[in-house]
Amino acid sequence: MLIDLPLEQKSGTLAEQFLRSTSVQGRAAIDYQLYVPPGDRDEPRPLLVMLHGCGQDPDDFAAGTRMNEMARRNGWLVLYPAQSAKANPQGCWNWFKTSHQERGRGEPALIATLTQEIMASHRVDANRVYIAGLSAGGAMAVILGRAYPELFAAVGVHSGLPHGAVEDANGAMAMMRSGQPPRQATDEPTNDATVQPTTDAKAEKHAKTVDAVRPTPTIVFHGTRDMTVHPLNGEQVYADATSGVAGAQRVENGREGTRAYTRRTHVTPQGRVHAELWLIEGGGHGWSGGDQSASGTDWLGPDASDQMLCFFMAHPLGDNRA
């Protein structure tokens, strides 16, 4: 419990804080850090959940994305759950395991419950709760957005992967390398020329899971030179987010920083942008427009943090479904 909150000397308002704590949920627990902006704590504020990539922690991820700086200007709370080395030695979220791909199980349940705890202990605008992540964190953000559409109004995915395409670590590596799930083994000889990816059993299963859920508004960033997670993964996340959503696609080419980009938007008949895909020309495996002093950033490209917040602001819960 916080008692003596610091005051900003000039304004007399409560100062910003970057809190560190642990959420204990039965036999499970999850560490986290919470950025609280300065100002009136009685006013409901938006909440953004940020899921780090492999080998990162909340401090590193916050510095690289500069999301606390963005949140300070806009008055947002930012929650940074931390993956434990016990759960994954590389510090990755276990998006590739079936036990962590569904509502009410594994890491999605831990993160969702943590989010609800923060909403209960702080003044949060329940219509403006969002989730975003990088790489494995981006893949887990996709899962959370699909599993808890009543909680998260929109999703941000940077260098991430689609939901439900793989079931284990081997499948994850294949998906990361090629953007396609591994093919099922067969005892029958096959002619490679006749094999089509669309007949793969895992791909068919993935398509069925996509069709079963109304997509949550999603913004995607991916570098075209990402050698860790193939850019086709970002395109698949965007395709899933627009599956079954009526509308038209618009394409814009531009340049920000020193990198060119192609931006696709899916616009509904009501004129709302339901999804965006930013393909950063020459971008690698890192948060576009991030701070180069931290890991996992590509500081030469468009500002992904700024664009994500703009997208989120346009998608409150209840007004965000096409």
Protein backbone atom coordinates (compact mmCIF):
# COMPACT_ATOMS: atom_id res chain seq x y z
CA MET A 1 0.00 0.00 0.00
CA LEU A 2 1.34 3.41 -0.99
CA ILE A 3 1.05 6.08 1.70
CA ASP A 4 3.21 9.14 1.03
CA LEU A 5 2.92 9.85 -2.68
CA PRO A 6 5.44 12.41 -3.97
CA LEU A 7 4.18 15.79 -5.16
CA GLU A 8 5.51 17.81 -8.07
CA GLN A 9 6.86 20.99 -6.48
CA LYS A 10 5.63 23.38 -9.18
CA SER A 11 2.06 22.15 -9.56
CA GLY A 12 1.40 20.39 -6.26
CA THR A 13 -0.07 17.41 -8.14
CA LEU A 14 0.93 13.81 -7.61
CA ALA A 15 4.19 12.95 -9.37
CA GLU A 16 4.68 10.09 -11.77
CA GLN A 17 5.69 6.67 -10.44
CA PHE A 18 7.12 3.44 -11.83
CA LEU A 19 5.98 0.82 -9.34
CA ARG A 20 7.26 -2.74 -8.99
CA SER A 21 5.20 -5.57 -7.47
CA THR A 22 4.01 -9.19 -7.75
CA SER A 23 0.54 -10.55 -8.36
CA VAL A 24 -0.08 -13.83 -6.53
CA GLN A 25 -2.88 -15.88 -8.09
CA GLY A 26 -3.33 -19.15 -6.21
CA ARG A 27 -0.24 -21.25 -6.89
CA ALA A 28 0.91 -18.94 -9.68
CA ALA A 29 2.51 -15.52 -9.48
CA ILE A 30 3.63 -12.87 -11.94
CA ASP A 31 5.96 -9.93 -11.39
CA TYR A 32 5.12 -6.62 -12.99
CA GLN A 33 5.89 -2.92 -13.14
CA LEU A 34 3.28 -0.19 -13.45
CA TYR A 35 3.82 3.29 -14.78
CA VAL A 36 1.49 5.84 -13.16
CA PRO A 37 1.50 9.28 -14.80
CA PRO A 38 1.39 12.52 -12.82
CA GLY A 39 -1.88 14.27 -12.17
CA ASP A 40 -5.32 13.62 -10.73
CA ARG A 41 -5.59 9.98 -9.61
CA ASP A 42 -9.39 10.26 -9.30
CA GLU A 43 -9.86 10.71 -13.05
CA PRO A 44 -10.34 7.40 -14.94
CA ARG A 45 -7.39 6.78 -17.27
CA PRO A 46 -6.66 4.46 -20.18
CA LEU A 47 -4.52 1.40 -19.42
CA LEU A 48 -2.02 -0.16 -21.82
CA VAL A 49 -0.55 -3.60 -21.13
CA MET A 50 2.92 -4.01 -22.69
CA LEU A 51 4.43 -7.50 -23.18
CA HIS A 52 8.19 -7.57 -23.66
CA GLY A 53 10.13 -9.75 -26.08
CA CYS A 54 12.54 -12.60 -25.32
CA GLY A 55 15.52 -11.62 -23.20
CA GLN A 56 13.92 -8.34 -22.14
CA ASP A 57 12.46 -7.09 -18.88
CA PRO A 58 10.00 -4.28 -18.10
CA ASP A 59 12.73 -1.66 -17.54
CA ASP A 60 14.44 -2.45 -20.84
CA PHE A 61 11.15 -2.63 -22.75
CA ALA A 62 9.87 0.63 -21.28
CA ALA A 63 13.11 2.39 -22.21
CA GLY A 64 13.21 0.97 -25.73
CA THR A 65 9.62 1.78 -26.64
CA ARG A 66 9.62 5.11 -24.77
CA MET A 67 6.05 4.19 -23.84
CA ASN A 68 6.26 5.80 -20.40
CA GLU A 69 7.18 9.07 -22.07
CA MET A 70 4.16 8.74 -24.37
CA ALA A 71 1.95 7.81 -21.42
CA ARG A 72 3.12 10.81 -19.41
CA ARG A 73 2.04 13.17 -22.19
CA ASN A 74 -1.33 11.48 -22.64
CA GLY A 75 -2.14 10.52 -19.05
CA TRP A 76 -2.11 6.72 -19.49
CA LEU A 77 -1.27 3.94 -17.10
CA VAL A 78 1.15 1.37 -18.53
CA LEU A 79 1.40 -2.15 -17.13
CA TYR A 80 4.49 -4.26 -17.86
CA PRO A 81 4.09 -7.93 -16.86
CA ALA A 82 7.41 -9.77 -16.55
CA GLN A 83 8.04 -13.31 -17.74
CA SER A 84 9.99 -15.46 -15.24
CA ALA A 85 13.04 -17.53 -16.08
CA LYS A 86 11.30 -20.46 -14.42
CA ALA A 87 8.43 -20.29 -16.90
CA ASN A 88 10.80 -19.82 -19.85
CA PRO A 89 14.62 -19.77 -19.55
CA GLN A 90 14.90 -17.31 -22.46
CA GLY A 91 12.35 -14.98 -20.90
CA CYS A 92 9.88 -15.57 -23.75
CA TRP A 93 6.13 -15.72 -23.35
CA ASN A 94 5.00 -19.27 -24.18
CA TRP A 95 2.72 -18.31 -27.06
CA PHE A 96 3.61 -21.49 -28.96
CA LYS A 97 2.25 -23.93 -26.37
CA THR A 98 -1.39 -24.98 -26.51
CA SER A 99 -1.63 -24.63 -22.72
CA HIS A 100 -0.99 -20.89 -23.16
CA GLN A 101 -3.23 -20.16 -26.14
CA GLU A 102 -6.71 -20.11 -24.62
CA ARG A 103 -8.92 -18.15 -22.27
CA GLY A 104 -8.74 -19.19 -18.62
CA ARG A 105 -5.44 -21.08 -18.93
CA GLY A 106 -1.74 -20.45 -18.47
CA GLU A 107 -0.17 -17.11 -19.18
CA PRO A 108 -3.24 -15.52 -20.85
CA ALA A 109 -5.21 -16.10 -17.64
CA LEU A 110 -2.35 -14.73 -15.50
CA ILE A 111 -2.05 -11.56 -17.58
CA ALA A 112 -5.80 -11.02 -17.84
CA THR A 113 -6.25 -11.42 -14.08
CA LEU A 114 -3.34 -9.07 -13.42
CA THR A 115 -4.95 -6.52 -15.73
CA GLN A 116 -8.23 -6.79 -13.84
CA GLU A 117 -6.40 -6.36 -10.52
CA ILE A 118 -4.82 -3.12 -11.75
CA MET A 119 -8.23 -1.95 -12.94
CA ALA A 120 -9.63 -2.63 -9.47
CA SER A 121 -6.81 -0.89 -7.58
CA HIS A 122 -6.48 2.17 -9.85
CA ARG A 123 -8.94 4.46 -11.57
CA VAL A 124 -8.99 2.88 -15.03
CA ASP A 125 -11.37 3.67 -17.88
CA ALA A 126 -12.74 0.16 -18.56
CA ASN A 127 -13.57 1.14 -22.14
CA ARG A 128 -9.94 1.99 -22.85
CA VAL A 129 -7.83 -1.01 -21.92
CA TYR A 130 -5.36 -2.14 -24.60
CA ILE A 131 -2.55 -4.64 -25.04
CA ALA A 132 0.59 -4.61 -27.17
CA GLY A 133 3.82 -6.55 -27.43
CA LEU A 134 7.06 -7.24 -29.26
CA SER A 135 8.03 -10.57 -30.83
CA ALA A 136 6.93 -13.30 -28.39
CA GLY A 137 5.13 -10.54 -26.50
CA GLY A 138 3.37 -9.56 -29.72
CA ALA A 139 2.29 -13.15 -30.26
CA MET A 140 0.93 -13.30 -26.71
CA ALA A 141 -0.86 -9.97 -27.21
CA VAL A 142 -2.68 -11.51 -30.19
CA ILE A 143 -3.78 -14.40 -27.97
CA LEU A 144 -5.02 -12.06 -25.21
CA GLY A 145 -6.92 -9.92 -27.68
CA ARG A 146 -8.71 -12.96 -29.05
CA ALA A 147 -9.27 -14.69 -25.71
CA TYR A 148 -10.54 -11.62 -23.83
CA PRO A 149 -12.32 -9.33 -26.33
CA GLU A 150 -14.51 -7.93 -23.56
CA LEU A 151 -11.39 -6.73 -21.72
CA PHE A 152 -9.05 -5.45 -24.42
CA ALA A 153 -10.43 -2.87 -26.84
CA ALA A 154 -7.58 -3.15 -29.36
CA VAL A 155 -4.24 -4.89 -29.89
CA GLY A 156 -0.78 -3.73 -31.01
CA VAL A 157 1.61 -6.31 -32.48
CA HIS A 158 5.24 -5.57 -33.34
CA SER A 159 7.30 -8.29 -35.04
CA GLY A 160 4.87 -10.88 -33.69
CA LEU A 161 3.19 -14.06 -34.86
CA PRO A 162 -0.39 -15.24 -35.48
CA HIS A 163 -2.56 -17.10 -33.02
CA GLY A 164 -2.98 -20.87 -33.05
CA ALA A 165 -0.68 -21.69 -35.96
CA VAL A 166 1.75 -23.87 -33.95
CA GLU A 167 1.62 -26.19 -30.95
CA ASP A 168 5.22 -26.57 -29.76
CA ALA A 169 8.73 -25.10 -29.87
CA ASN A 170 9.68 -26.86 -33.12
CA GLY A 171 6.62 -25.44 -34.80
CA ALA A 172 7.46 -22.00 -33.40
CA MET A 173 10.94 -22.08 -34.95
CA ALA A 174 9.53 -23.10 -38.33
CA MET A 175 6.91 -20.34 -38.15
CA MET A 176 9.52 -17.77 -37.22
CA ARG A 177 11.83 -18.81 -40.08
CA SER A 178 9.30 -19.03 -42.90
CA GLY A 179 6.03 -17.51 -41.76
CA GLN A 180 4.35 -20.87 -42.33
CA PRO A 181 3.56 -23.65 -39.85
CA PRO A 182 5.45 -26.95 -40.21
CA ARG A 183 3.86 -29.58 -42.41
CA GLN A 184 2.39 -32.74 -40.93
CA ALA A 185 4.58 -35.82 -41.26
CA THR A 186 3.23 -38.52 -43.57
CA ASP A 187 4.17 -42.09 -44.39
CA GLU A 188 3.17 -41.62 -48.01
CA PRO A 189 5.72 -40.34 -50.51
CA THR A 190 4.78 -36.92 -51.86
CA ASN A 191 5.66 -34.96 -54.92
CA ASP A 192 6.90 -31.59 -53.68
CA ALA A 193 5.52 -29.92 -56.76
CA THR A 194 1.99 -30.93 -55.82
CA VAL A 195 2.14 -29.96 -52.13
CA GLN A 196 0.19 -26.78 -51.38
CA PRO A 197 0.54 -24.95 -48.04
CA THR A 198 -3.22 -24.40 -47.92
CA THR A 199 -3.78 -28.14 -47.39
CA ASP A 200 -1.59 -28.31 -44.30
CA ALA A 201 -3.57 -29.57 -41.32
CA LYS A 202 -2.21 -26.93 -38.93
CA ALA A 203 -3.00 -24.17 -41.41
CA GLU A 204 -6.56 -25.44 -41.73
CA LYS A 205 -6.91 -25.57 -37.95
CA HIS A 206 -5.58 -22.03 -37.71
CA ALA A 207 -8.11 -20.82 -40.29
CA LYS A 208 -10.97 -22.40 -38.35
CA THR A 209 -9.92 -20.73 -35.09
CA VAL A 210 -9.76 -17.36 -36.85
CA ASP A 211 -13.23 -17.76 -38.33
CA ALA A 212 -14.68 -18.69 -34.93
CA VAL A 213 -13.84 -15.34 -33.29
CA ARG A 214 -14.77 -11.80 -34.27
CA PRO A 215 -11.40 -10.06 -34.71
CA THR A 216 -10.37 -7.29 -32.31
CA PRO A 217 -9.08 -4.04 -33.88
CA THR A 218 -5.37 -4.53 -34.43
CA ILE A 219 -2.36 -2.49 -35.52
CA VAL A 220 0.70 -4.40 -36.76
CA PHE A 221 4.32 -3.34 -37.34
CA HIS A 222 6.91 -5.56 -39.02
CA GLY A 223 10.29 -4.95 -40.65
CA THR A 224 10.79 -6.38 -44.13
CA ARG A 225 14.34 -7.43 -43.19
CA ASP A 226 13.39 -9.13 -39.94
CA MET A 227 15.65 -12.18 -39.78
CA THR A 228 14.22 -13.44 -36.50
CA VAL A 229 10.49 -13.47 -37.23
CA HIS A 230 9.64 -13.66 -40.93
CA PRO A 231 7.55 -10.69 -42.17
CA LEU A 232 4.88 -13.08 -43.45
CA ASN A 233 3.91 -13.50 -39.80
CA GLY A 234 2.98 -9.84 -39.54
CA GLU A 235 0.95 -10.11 -42.72
CA GLN A 236 -0.88 -13.14 -41.31
CA VAL A 237 -1.70 -11.28 -38.09
CA TYR A 238 -3.21 -8.50 -40.20
CA ALA A 239 -5.11 -11.01 -42.35
CA ASP A 240 -6.55 -12.65 -39.23
CA ALA A 241 -7.57 -9.26 -37.84
CA THR A 242 -9.53 -8.46 -40.99
CA SER A 243 -10.98 -11.92 -41.60
CA GLY A 244 -14.76 -11.71 -41.89
CA VAL A 245 -14.78 -7.93 -41.40
CA ALA A 246 -16.50 -6.11 -44.25
CA GLY A 247 -14.53 -3.26 -45.73
CA ALA A 248 -11.94 -2.12 -48.23
CA GLN A 249 -8.17 -2.02 -48.08
CA ARG A 250 -6.23 1.16 -48.65
CA VAL A 251 -2.50 1.36 -49.27
CA GLU A 252 -0.21 4.28 -48.47
CA ASN A 253 3.51 4.57 -49.14
CA GLY A 254 5.59 7.01 -47.15
CA ARG A 255 8.80 7.67 -45.27
CA GLU A 256 9.51 8.52 -41.64
CA GLY A 257 12.95 8.81 -40.17
CA THR A 258 15.27 7.23 -42.71
CA ARG A 259 13.03 4.29 -43.59
CA ALA A 260 10.28 3.99 -46.15
CA TYR A 261 7.12 2.13 -45.23
CA THR A 262 3.96 0.68 -46.73
CA ARG A 263 0.85 1.13 -44.61
CA ARG A 264 -2.25 -0.93 -45.28
CA THR A 265 -5.53 -0.03 -43.61
CA HIS A 266 -8.78 -2.00 -43.54
CA VAL A 267 -11.67 0.49 -43.58
CA THR A 268 -15.18 -0.68 -42.73
CA PRO A 269 -18.31 0.49 -44.61
CA GLN A 270 -18.88 2.86 -41.65
CA GLY A 271 -15.55 4.53 -42.38
CA ARG A 272 -13.69 3.12 -39.36
CA VAL A 273 -10.14 1.81 -39.62
CA HIS A 274 -10.41 -1.68 -38.17
CA ALA A 275 -6.79 -2.75 -38.73
CA GLU A 276 -3.44 -1.37 -39.86
CA LEU A 277 -0.30 -3.07 -41.17
CA TRP A 278 2.96 -1.12 -41.29
CA LEU A 279 5.69 -2.86 -43.29
CA ILE A 280 8.96 -1.04 -42.56
CA GLU A 281 11.31 -1.23 -45.55
CA GLY A 282 14.69 -2.55 -44.44
CA GLY A 283 13.56 -2.77 -40.80
CA GLY A 284 14.93 -5.57 -38.65
CA HIS A 285 13.68 -7.34 -35.54
CA GLY A 286 13.13 -4.38 -33.25
CA TRP A 287 10.62 -1.78 -32.10
CA SER A 288 10.39 0.81 -34.85
CA GLY A 289 11.30 4.34 -33.76
CA GLY A 290 12.50 3.10 -30.38
CA ASP A 291 15.38 4.31 -28.22
CA GLN A 292 18.68 2.86 -29.43
CA SER A 293 20.05 2.74 -25.87
CA ALA A 294 17.78 -0.24 -25.14
CA SER A 295 17.62 -3.71 -26.69
CA GLY A 296 15.20 -4.79 -29.41
CA THR A 297 14.80 -1.44 -31.15
CA ASP A 298 15.09 -0.08 -34.69
CA TRP A 299 15.43 3.66 -34.12
CA LEU A 300 15.55 4.50 -37.86
CA GLY A 301 11.89 3.79 -38.65
CA PRO A 302 8.45 5.29 -37.98
CA ASP A 303 7.46 5.81 -34.36
CA ALA A 304 5.49 2.65 -33.57
CA SER A 305 4.65 3.80 -30.02
CA ASP A 306 3.08 7.03 -31.23
CA GLN A 307 1.13 5.30 -34.00
CA MET A 308 -0.15 2.61 -31.66
CA LEU A 309 -1.44 5.14 -29.16
CA CYS A 310 -3.18 7.05 -31.96
CA PHE A 311 -4.82 3.82 -33.11
CA PHE A 312 -5.86 2.87 -29.58
CA MET A 313 -7.37 6.29 -28.91
CA ALA A 314 -9.67 5.78 -31.90
CA HIS A 315 -10.90 2.38 -30.61
CA PRO A 316 -12.72 2.43 -27.27
CA LEU A 317 -14.41 -0.77 -26.22
CA GLY A 318 -18.00 -1.05 -27.42
CA ASP A 319 -17.32 1.26 -30.35
CA ASN A 320 -14.58 -0.83 -31.88
CA ARG A 321 -16.31 -3.75 -33.56
CA ALA A 322 -17.06 -3.44 -37.24
